[in-house]
N, C-alpha and C. Protein backbone atom coordinates (compact mmCIF):
# COMPACT_ATOMS: atom_id res chain seq x y z
N MET A 1 0.82 -1.19 0.00
CA MET A 1 0.00 0.00 0.00
C MET A 1 0.87 1.26 0.00
N LYS A 2 1.96 1.18 0.80
CA LYS A 2 2.86 2.32 0.87
C LYS A 2 3.45 2.63 -0.51
N ASN A 3 3.83 1.59 -1.23
CA ASN A 3 4.42 1.78 -2.56
C ASN A 3 3.43 2.44 -3.51
N LEU A 4 2.16 2.09 -3.41
CA LEU A 4 1.14 2.68 -4.25
C LEU A 4 1.04 4.18 -3.99
N VAL A 5 1.10 4.58 -2.74
CA VAL A 5 1.05 6.00 -2.38
C VAL A 5 2.26 6.73 -2.96
N TYR A 6 3.46 6.15 -2.85
CA TYR A 6 4.67 6.76 -3.39
C TYR A 6 4.59 6.89 -4.92
N ILE A 7 4.09 5.88 -5.57
CA ILE A 7 3.97 5.92 -7.03
C ILE A 7 2.99 7.01 -7.45
N CYS A 8 1.85 7.09 -6.77
CA CYS A 8 0.87 8.13 -7.09
C CYS A 8 1.45 9.52 -6.85
N PHE A 9 2.18 9.69 -5.76
CA PHE A 9 2.81 10.96 -5.45
C PHE A 9 3.83 11.34 -6.53
N ALA A 10 4.65 10.38 -6.95
CA ALA A 10 5.65 10.64 -7.98
C ALA A 10 5.00 11.04 -9.30
N ILE A 11 3.95 10.34 -9.69
CA ILE A 11 3.24 10.68 -10.93
C ILE A 11 2.67 12.08 -10.84
N PHE A 12 2.09 12.43 -9.71
CA PHE A 12 1.53 13.76 -9.51
C PHE A 12 2.61 14.83 -9.63
N MET A 13 3.75 14.62 -9.02
CA MET A 13 4.83 15.62 -9.04
C MET A 13 5.38 15.83 -10.45
N PHE A 14 5.54 14.77 -11.20
CA PHE A 14 6.09 14.89 -12.55
C PHE A 14 5.07 15.44 -13.55
N SER A 15 3.80 15.36 -13.23
CA SER A 15 2.79 15.86 -14.15
C SER A 15 2.50 17.34 -13.95
N CYS A 16 2.98 17.93 -12.88
CA CYS A 16 2.75 19.35 -12.62
C CYS A 16 3.64 20.20 -13.51
N ASN A 17 3.08 21.30 -14.02
CA ASN A 17 3.87 22.25 -14.80
C ASN A 17 4.41 23.30 -13.87
N SER A 18 5.62 23.72 -14.12
CA SER A 18 6.17 24.82 -13.33
C SER A 18 5.64 26.13 -13.89
N ALA A 19 5.78 27.20 -13.13
CA ALA A 19 5.34 28.51 -13.59
C ALA A 19 6.19 28.99 -14.77
N LYS A 20 7.41 28.50 -14.87
CA LYS A 20 8.30 28.91 -15.96
C LYS A 20 8.51 27.72 -16.89
N ASN A 21 7.80 27.73 -17.97
CA ASN A 21 7.88 26.68 -18.98
C ASN A 21 9.02 27.03 -19.94
N THR A 22 9.83 26.06 -20.27
CA THR A 22 10.95 26.35 -21.17
C THR A 22 10.62 26.03 -22.62
N GLN A 23 9.35 26.18 -22.97
CA GLN A 23 8.95 25.99 -24.36
C GLN A 23 9.72 27.01 -25.20
N HIS A 24 10.43 26.51 -26.18
CA HIS A 24 11.27 27.40 -26.97
C HIS A 24 10.59 27.80 -28.27
N MET A 25 10.72 29.04 -28.60
CA MET A 25 10.32 29.58 -29.89
C MET A 25 11.61 30.05 -30.54
N ALA A 26 12.50 29.15 -30.73
CA ALA A 26 13.85 29.46 -31.17
C ALA A 26 13.86 30.40 -32.37
N PRO A 27 14.43 31.59 -32.18
CA PRO A 27 14.52 32.53 -33.30
C PRO A 27 15.54 32.04 -34.33
N LYS A 28 15.22 32.25 -35.60
CA LYS A 28 16.15 31.96 -36.70
C LYS A 28 16.61 33.29 -37.25
N VAL A 29 17.88 33.58 -37.05
CA VAL A 29 18.43 34.89 -37.40
C VAL A 29 18.35 35.13 -38.91
N ILE A 30 17.80 36.28 -39.27
CA ILE A 30 17.81 36.75 -40.66
C ILE A 30 19.06 37.57 -40.87
N SER A 31 19.29 38.50 -39.93
CA SER A 31 20.46 39.37 -40.03
C SER A 31 20.72 39.98 -38.65
N GLU A 32 21.98 40.21 -38.37
CA GLU A 32 22.37 40.91 -37.14
C GLU A 32 23.67 41.65 -37.42
N GLY A 33 23.90 42.70 -36.67
CA GLY A 33 25.11 43.47 -36.89
C GLY A 33 24.90 44.91 -36.48
N ASN A 34 25.43 45.81 -37.29
CA ASN A 34 25.34 47.24 -37.01
C ASN A 34 24.92 47.99 -38.26
N LEU A 35 24.05 48.98 -38.07
CA LEU A 35 23.70 49.90 -39.14
C LEU A 35 24.75 51.00 -39.14
N PHE A 36 25.14 51.46 -40.32
CA PHE A 36 26.19 52.48 -40.43
C PHE A 36 25.69 53.72 -41.15
N GLY A 37 24.42 54.02 -41.07
CA GLY A 37 23.84 55.16 -41.77
C GLY A 37 23.82 56.44 -40.95
N SER A 38 24.48 56.46 -39.80
CA SER A 38 24.50 57.62 -38.90
C SER A 38 23.10 58.14 -38.60
N GLY A 39 22.16 57.22 -38.48
CA GLY A 39 20.80 57.60 -38.13
C GLY A 39 19.90 57.93 -39.30
N SER A 40 20.41 57.88 -40.52
CA SER A 40 19.59 58.24 -41.68
C SER A 40 18.44 57.26 -41.90
N GLU A 41 18.51 56.08 -41.29
CA GLU A 41 17.43 55.11 -41.40
C GLU A 41 16.20 55.56 -40.61
N GLY A 42 16.41 56.42 -39.63
CA GLY A 42 15.31 56.93 -38.82
C GLY A 42 14.74 55.89 -37.87
N LEU A 43 15.53 54.91 -37.50
CA LEU A 43 15.07 53.87 -36.59
C LEU A 43 15.48 54.19 -35.15
N MET A 44 14.49 54.28 -34.30
CA MET A 44 14.74 54.53 -32.89
C MET A 44 14.98 53.20 -32.19
N GLN A 45 15.51 53.25 -30.98
CA GLN A 45 15.69 52.04 -30.17
C GLN A 45 14.31 51.41 -29.98
N GLN A 46 14.22 50.09 -30.30
CA GLN A 46 12.92 49.42 -30.22
C GLN A 46 13.06 47.92 -30.21
N ASN A 47 12.04 47.27 -29.68
CA ASN A 47 11.86 45.83 -29.75
C ASN A 47 10.48 45.64 -30.39
N THR A 48 10.45 45.07 -31.58
CA THR A 48 9.23 45.03 -32.36
C THR A 48 8.91 43.61 -32.82
N VAL A 49 7.62 43.30 -32.87
CA VAL A 49 7.15 42.06 -33.47
C VAL A 49 6.39 42.46 -34.73
N ILE A 50 6.84 41.93 -35.86
CA ILE A 50 6.22 42.24 -37.15
C ILE A 50 5.39 41.01 -37.55
N THR A 51 4.10 41.24 -37.81
CA THR A 51 3.17 40.11 -38.00
C THR A 51 2.61 39.99 -39.41
N ASN A 52 2.93 40.95 -40.30
CA ASN A 52 2.40 40.84 -41.66
C ASN A 52 3.37 41.43 -42.68
N GLU A 53 3.13 41.13 -43.93
CA GLU A 53 4.03 41.51 -45.01
C GLU A 53 4.11 43.01 -45.21
N THR A 54 3.01 43.72 -45.02
CA THR A 54 3.00 45.17 -45.20
C THR A 54 3.93 45.85 -44.19
N GLU A 55 3.79 45.47 -42.90
CA GLU A 55 4.67 46.03 -41.86
C GLU A 55 6.12 45.68 -42.17
N TRP A 56 6.36 44.44 -42.61
CA TRP A 56 7.72 43.97 -42.90
C TRP A 56 8.36 44.79 -44.02
N LYS A 57 7.64 45.03 -45.10
CA LYS A 57 8.20 45.80 -46.22
C LYS A 57 8.48 47.23 -45.83
N GLU A 58 7.58 47.84 -45.04
CA GLU A 58 7.82 49.21 -44.56
C GLU A 58 9.05 49.26 -43.67
N PHE A 59 9.18 48.28 -42.78
CA PHE A 59 10.35 48.23 -41.89
C PHE A 59 11.63 48.06 -42.71
N MET A 60 11.59 47.18 -43.72
CA MET A 60 12.77 46.91 -44.53
C MET A 60 13.19 48.14 -45.34
N MET A 61 12.23 48.92 -45.82
CA MET A 61 12.57 50.14 -46.55
C MET A 61 13.36 51.08 -45.66
N ARG A 62 12.96 51.20 -44.40
CA ARG A 62 13.69 52.07 -43.46
C ARG A 62 15.05 51.48 -43.12
N LEU A 63 15.08 50.17 -42.89
CA LEU A 63 16.34 49.51 -42.52
C LEU A 63 17.36 49.62 -43.65
N ASN A 64 16.91 49.52 -44.89
CA ASN A 64 17.80 49.57 -46.04
C ASN A 64 17.97 50.97 -46.62
N ALA A 65 17.54 52.00 -45.91
CA ALA A 65 17.58 53.37 -46.44
C ALA A 65 19.00 53.82 -46.78
N ALA A 66 19.99 53.51 -45.96
CA ALA A 66 21.36 53.97 -46.21
C ALA A 66 22.21 52.89 -46.87
N ASN A 67 22.03 51.65 -46.48
CA ASN A 67 22.81 50.53 -47.01
C ASN A 67 21.88 49.34 -47.18
N GLU A 68 22.23 48.44 -48.08
CA GLU A 68 21.40 47.24 -48.25
C GLU A 68 21.75 46.27 -47.13
N THR A 69 21.05 46.41 -46.01
CA THR A 69 21.28 45.57 -44.85
C THR A 69 20.69 44.18 -45.05
N ILE A 70 19.49 44.13 -45.61
CA ILE A 70 18.80 42.88 -45.88
C ILE A 70 18.61 42.77 -47.40
N LYS A 71 18.98 41.64 -47.94
CA LYS A 71 18.85 41.39 -49.38
C LYS A 71 17.38 41.22 -49.75
N LYS A 72 17.03 41.59 -50.97
CA LYS A 72 15.64 41.53 -51.43
C LYS A 72 15.05 40.13 -51.36
N ASP A 73 15.85 39.10 -51.64
CA ASP A 73 15.32 37.74 -51.57
C ASP A 73 14.99 37.33 -50.14
N GLN A 74 15.69 37.92 -49.15
CA GLN A 74 15.38 37.64 -47.75
C GLN A 74 14.07 38.30 -47.34
N VAL A 75 13.78 39.45 -47.93
CA VAL A 75 12.55 40.18 -47.61
C VAL A 75 11.33 39.36 -48.00
N SER A 76 11.37 38.74 -49.17
CA SER A 76 10.21 38.00 -49.67
C SER A 76 10.17 36.55 -49.21
N ALA A 77 11.19 36.09 -48.50
CA ALA A 77 11.27 34.68 -48.11
C ALA A 77 10.47 34.34 -46.85
N ILE A 78 9.81 35.29 -46.25
CA ILE A 78 9.11 35.05 -44.99
C ILE A 78 7.63 34.76 -45.25
N ASP A 79 7.15 33.67 -44.67
CA ASP A 79 5.75 33.26 -44.78
C ASP A 79 5.03 33.70 -43.51
N PHE A 80 4.30 34.81 -43.60
CA PHE A 80 3.64 35.36 -42.42
C PHE A 80 2.43 34.55 -41.97
N ASP A 81 2.05 33.50 -42.72
CA ASP A 81 1.03 32.57 -42.24
C ASP A 81 1.62 31.63 -41.20
N GLU A 82 2.95 31.44 -41.26
CA GLU A 82 3.65 30.51 -40.37
C GLU A 82 4.64 31.19 -39.42
N GLN A 83 5.04 32.42 -39.74
CA GLN A 83 6.11 33.08 -38.98
C GLN A 83 5.78 34.53 -38.64
N ASN A 84 6.41 35.02 -37.59
CA ASN A 84 6.48 36.43 -37.27
C ASN A 84 7.95 36.81 -37.32
N VAL A 85 8.23 38.10 -37.33
CA VAL A 85 9.60 38.59 -37.30
C VAL A 85 9.77 39.41 -36.03
N ILE A 86 10.89 39.18 -35.33
CA ILE A 86 11.23 40.06 -34.21
C ILE A 86 12.40 40.92 -34.66
N ALA A 87 12.32 42.20 -34.34
CA ALA A 87 13.37 43.15 -34.70
C ALA A 87 13.77 43.91 -33.44
N ILE A 88 15.03 43.83 -33.11
CA ILE A 88 15.56 44.53 -31.95
C ILE A 88 16.58 45.54 -32.46
N ILE A 89 16.30 46.80 -32.22
CA ILE A 89 17.18 47.88 -32.67
C ILE A 89 17.68 48.61 -31.43
N ASP A 90 18.98 48.73 -31.28
CA ASP A 90 19.57 49.43 -30.14
C ASP A 90 19.68 50.92 -30.47
N LYS A 91 20.08 51.70 -29.50
CA LYS A 91 20.29 53.12 -29.75
C LYS A 91 21.60 53.31 -30.52
N GLN A 92 21.77 54.48 -31.08
CA GLN A 92 23.00 54.78 -31.82
C GLN A 92 24.17 54.85 -30.85
N ARG A 93 25.30 54.35 -31.31
CA ARG A 93 26.51 54.32 -30.49
C ARG A 93 27.61 55.09 -31.21
N ASN A 94 28.55 55.63 -30.45
CA ASN A 94 29.66 56.41 -31.02
C ASN A 94 30.84 55.56 -31.44
N THR A 95 30.79 54.27 -31.13
CA THR A 95 31.90 53.38 -31.47
C THR A 95 31.37 52.07 -32.04
N GLY A 96 32.26 51.30 -32.64
CA GLY A 96 31.91 49.98 -33.13
C GLY A 96 32.06 48.96 -32.02
N GLY A 97 31.80 47.71 -32.34
CA GLY A 97 32.02 46.63 -31.38
C GLY A 97 30.83 46.28 -30.51
N HIS A 98 29.67 46.86 -30.78
CA HIS A 98 28.47 46.56 -30.00
C HIS A 98 27.69 45.43 -30.67
N LYS A 99 26.98 44.63 -29.88
CA LYS A 99 26.26 43.49 -30.42
C LYS A 99 25.00 43.21 -29.59
N ILE A 100 23.97 42.70 -30.27
CA ILE A 100 22.74 42.27 -29.62
C ILE A 100 22.53 40.79 -29.95
N GLU A 101 22.08 40.02 -28.96
CA GLU A 101 21.73 38.63 -29.21
C GLU A 101 20.62 38.19 -28.26
N ILE A 102 19.91 37.14 -28.66
CA ILE A 102 18.89 36.52 -27.81
C ILE A 102 19.58 35.37 -27.08
N THR A 103 19.58 35.41 -25.75
CA THR A 103 20.26 34.37 -24.97
C THR A 103 19.32 33.27 -24.50
N GLU A 104 18.04 33.61 -24.40
CA GLU A 104 17.08 32.63 -23.87
C GLU A 104 15.69 32.99 -24.36
N THR A 105 14.90 31.96 -24.62
CA THR A 105 13.50 32.13 -24.98
C THR A 105 12.70 31.19 -24.09
N TYR A 106 11.67 31.72 -23.44
CA TYR A 106 10.85 30.85 -22.60
C TYR A 106 9.43 31.41 -22.50
N THR A 107 8.51 30.54 -22.09
CA THR A 107 7.12 30.92 -21.89
C THR A 107 6.80 30.81 -20.41
N GLN A 108 6.21 31.87 -19.88
CA GLN A 108 5.83 31.88 -18.47
C GLN A 108 4.47 32.56 -18.35
N ASN A 109 3.54 31.87 -17.74
CA ASN A 109 2.19 32.40 -17.53
C ASN A 109 1.56 32.90 -18.83
N GLY A 110 1.77 32.17 -19.92
CA GLY A 110 1.17 32.51 -21.20
C GLY A 110 1.86 33.62 -21.98
N ILE A 111 2.99 34.09 -21.51
CA ILE A 111 3.75 35.15 -22.19
C ILE A 111 5.06 34.56 -22.67
N VAL A 112 5.42 34.85 -23.92
CA VAL A 112 6.70 34.41 -24.48
C VAL A 112 7.72 35.51 -24.21
N TYR A 113 8.81 35.13 -23.54
CA TYR A 113 9.87 36.09 -23.22
C TYR A 113 11.12 35.81 -24.06
N PHE A 114 11.73 36.88 -24.54
CA PHE A 114 13.01 36.82 -25.22
C PHE A 114 14.00 37.62 -24.38
N ALA A 115 15.04 36.94 -23.89
CA ALA A 115 16.07 37.60 -23.08
C ALA A 115 17.12 38.17 -24.04
N ILE A 116 17.34 39.47 -23.95
CA ILE A 116 18.26 40.18 -24.84
C ILE A 116 19.56 40.48 -24.10
N LYS A 117 20.67 40.13 -24.73
CA LYS A 117 21.98 40.47 -24.18
C LYS A 117 22.64 41.46 -25.11
N LYS A 118 23.08 42.58 -24.55
CA LYS A 118 23.81 43.59 -25.32
C LYS A 118 25.25 43.59 -24.84
N THR A 119 26.16 43.40 -25.77
CA THR A 119 27.58 43.43 -25.42
C THR A 119 28.21 44.69 -26.00
N HIS A 120 29.22 45.15 -25.31
CA HIS A 120 29.90 46.39 -25.68
C HIS A 120 31.40 46.12 -25.76
N PRO A 121 32.12 46.94 -26.53
CA PRO A 121 33.56 46.70 -26.68
C PRO A 121 34.30 46.95 -25.37
N GLU A 122 35.34 46.17 -25.19
CA GLU A 122 36.22 46.39 -24.04
C GLU A 122 37.50 47.03 -24.57
N GLY A 123 37.91 48.09 -23.96
CA GLY A 123 39.13 48.76 -24.40
C GLY A 123 38.88 49.61 -25.63
N MET A 124 39.87 49.68 -26.50
CA MET A 124 39.82 50.51 -27.70
C MET A 124 38.78 49.96 -28.69
N ALA A 125 38.08 50.87 -29.36
CA ALA A 125 37.10 50.49 -30.38
C ALA A 125 37.15 51.52 -31.50
N THR A 126 36.70 51.11 -32.67
CA THR A 126 36.69 52.04 -33.79
C THR A 126 35.76 53.21 -33.49
N SER A 127 36.14 54.36 -33.94
CA SER A 127 35.35 55.56 -33.73
C SER A 127 34.46 55.78 -34.95
N VAL A 128 33.27 55.20 -34.88
CA VAL A 128 32.32 55.29 -35.98
C VAL A 128 30.91 55.18 -35.41
N MET A 129 29.96 55.90 -36.01
CA MET A 129 28.57 55.83 -35.56
C MET A 129 27.99 54.48 -35.99
N THR A 130 27.46 53.74 -35.04
CA THR A 130 26.82 52.46 -35.34
C THR A 130 25.49 52.36 -34.60
N GLN A 131 24.67 51.45 -35.05
CA GLN A 131 23.41 51.17 -34.38
C GLN A 131 23.18 49.66 -34.46
N PRO A 132 23.44 48.94 -33.36
CA PRO A 132 23.28 47.48 -33.37
C PRO A 132 21.83 47.05 -33.63
N TYR A 133 21.68 45.92 -34.33
CA TYR A 133 20.36 45.39 -34.61
C TYR A 133 20.40 43.86 -34.64
N TYR A 134 19.23 43.26 -34.47
CA TYR A 134 19.05 41.81 -34.50
C TYR A 134 17.67 41.55 -35.08
N ILE A 135 17.61 40.78 -36.18
CA ILE A 135 16.33 40.49 -36.82
C ILE A 135 16.25 38.98 -37.03
N ALA A 136 15.12 38.39 -36.59
CA ALA A 136 14.96 36.93 -36.69
C ALA A 136 13.49 36.59 -36.92
N THR A 137 13.27 35.38 -37.43
CA THR A 137 11.91 34.86 -37.53
C THR A 137 11.64 33.96 -36.34
N ILE A 138 10.37 33.90 -35.96
CA ILE A 138 9.92 32.99 -34.91
C ILE A 138 8.63 32.34 -35.40
N PRO A 139 8.27 31.20 -34.84
CA PRO A 139 6.98 30.59 -35.23
C PRO A 139 5.83 31.53 -34.89
N LYS A 140 4.82 31.54 -35.73
CA LYS A 140 3.63 32.37 -35.52
C LYS A 140 3.00 32.02 -34.17
N THR A 141 2.61 33.03 -33.43
CA THR A 141 1.97 32.82 -32.14
C THR A 141 0.97 33.93 -31.87
N LYS A 142 -0.06 33.60 -31.11
CA LYS A 142 -1.01 34.62 -30.66
C LYS A 142 -0.72 35.02 -29.22
N GLN A 143 0.30 34.38 -28.63
CA GLN A 143 0.68 34.72 -27.26
C GLN A 143 1.34 36.10 -27.23
N GLU A 144 1.22 36.76 -26.09
CA GLU A 144 1.89 38.03 -25.89
C GLU A 144 3.39 37.79 -25.88
N ILE A 145 4.15 38.72 -26.45
CA ILE A 145 5.61 38.63 -26.51
C ILE A 145 6.21 39.80 -25.77
N GLU A 146 7.17 39.50 -24.92
CA GLU A 146 7.89 40.55 -24.18
C GLU A 146 9.38 40.32 -24.31
N PHE A 147 10.12 41.42 -24.25
CA PHE A 147 11.57 41.39 -24.31
C PHE A 147 12.13 41.83 -22.97
N LYS A 148 13.14 41.12 -22.48
CA LYS A 148 13.75 41.44 -21.19
C LYS A 148 15.26 41.50 -21.37
N GLU A 149 15.91 42.35 -20.60
CA GLU A 149 17.36 42.39 -20.58
C GLU A 149 17.85 41.11 -19.90
N ALA A 150 18.80 40.43 -20.50
CA ALA A 150 19.36 39.21 -19.91
C ALA A 150 20.10 39.56 -18.64
N GLU A 151 20.05 38.64 -17.70
CA GLU A 151 20.72 38.89 -16.41
C GLU A 151 22.14 38.39 -16.43
């Protein structure tokens, strides 16, 4: 009888979901790096979810305003019936060597979180205006999406 109680308890414990589910919506990077248009793109610091082709084309026109950051075939390769695009744009920087990346993706209480890590140069860096960016596709979702600074 004791063994039956232990088995039932074990099944119960393993069937419970934690508050922090590690369901991954692994982003597939389209492009990342730095914009070198000295702000001519007109892109402010932002974390954006793009859900349709019209928004995507408008965003790409701004992103490619100074330089061809994203190739035309990459613009049309996204199926918005199956995917969304996340775009993370940092503020303008006075030096090179800055980078943005997604370190973790998880779902908690029905919200999908993307942990963002921003790295900066150590020591000497090139003296040039840059604006770090990260653009990726994720599976289509109706869940709320939030971006957090990685710890």
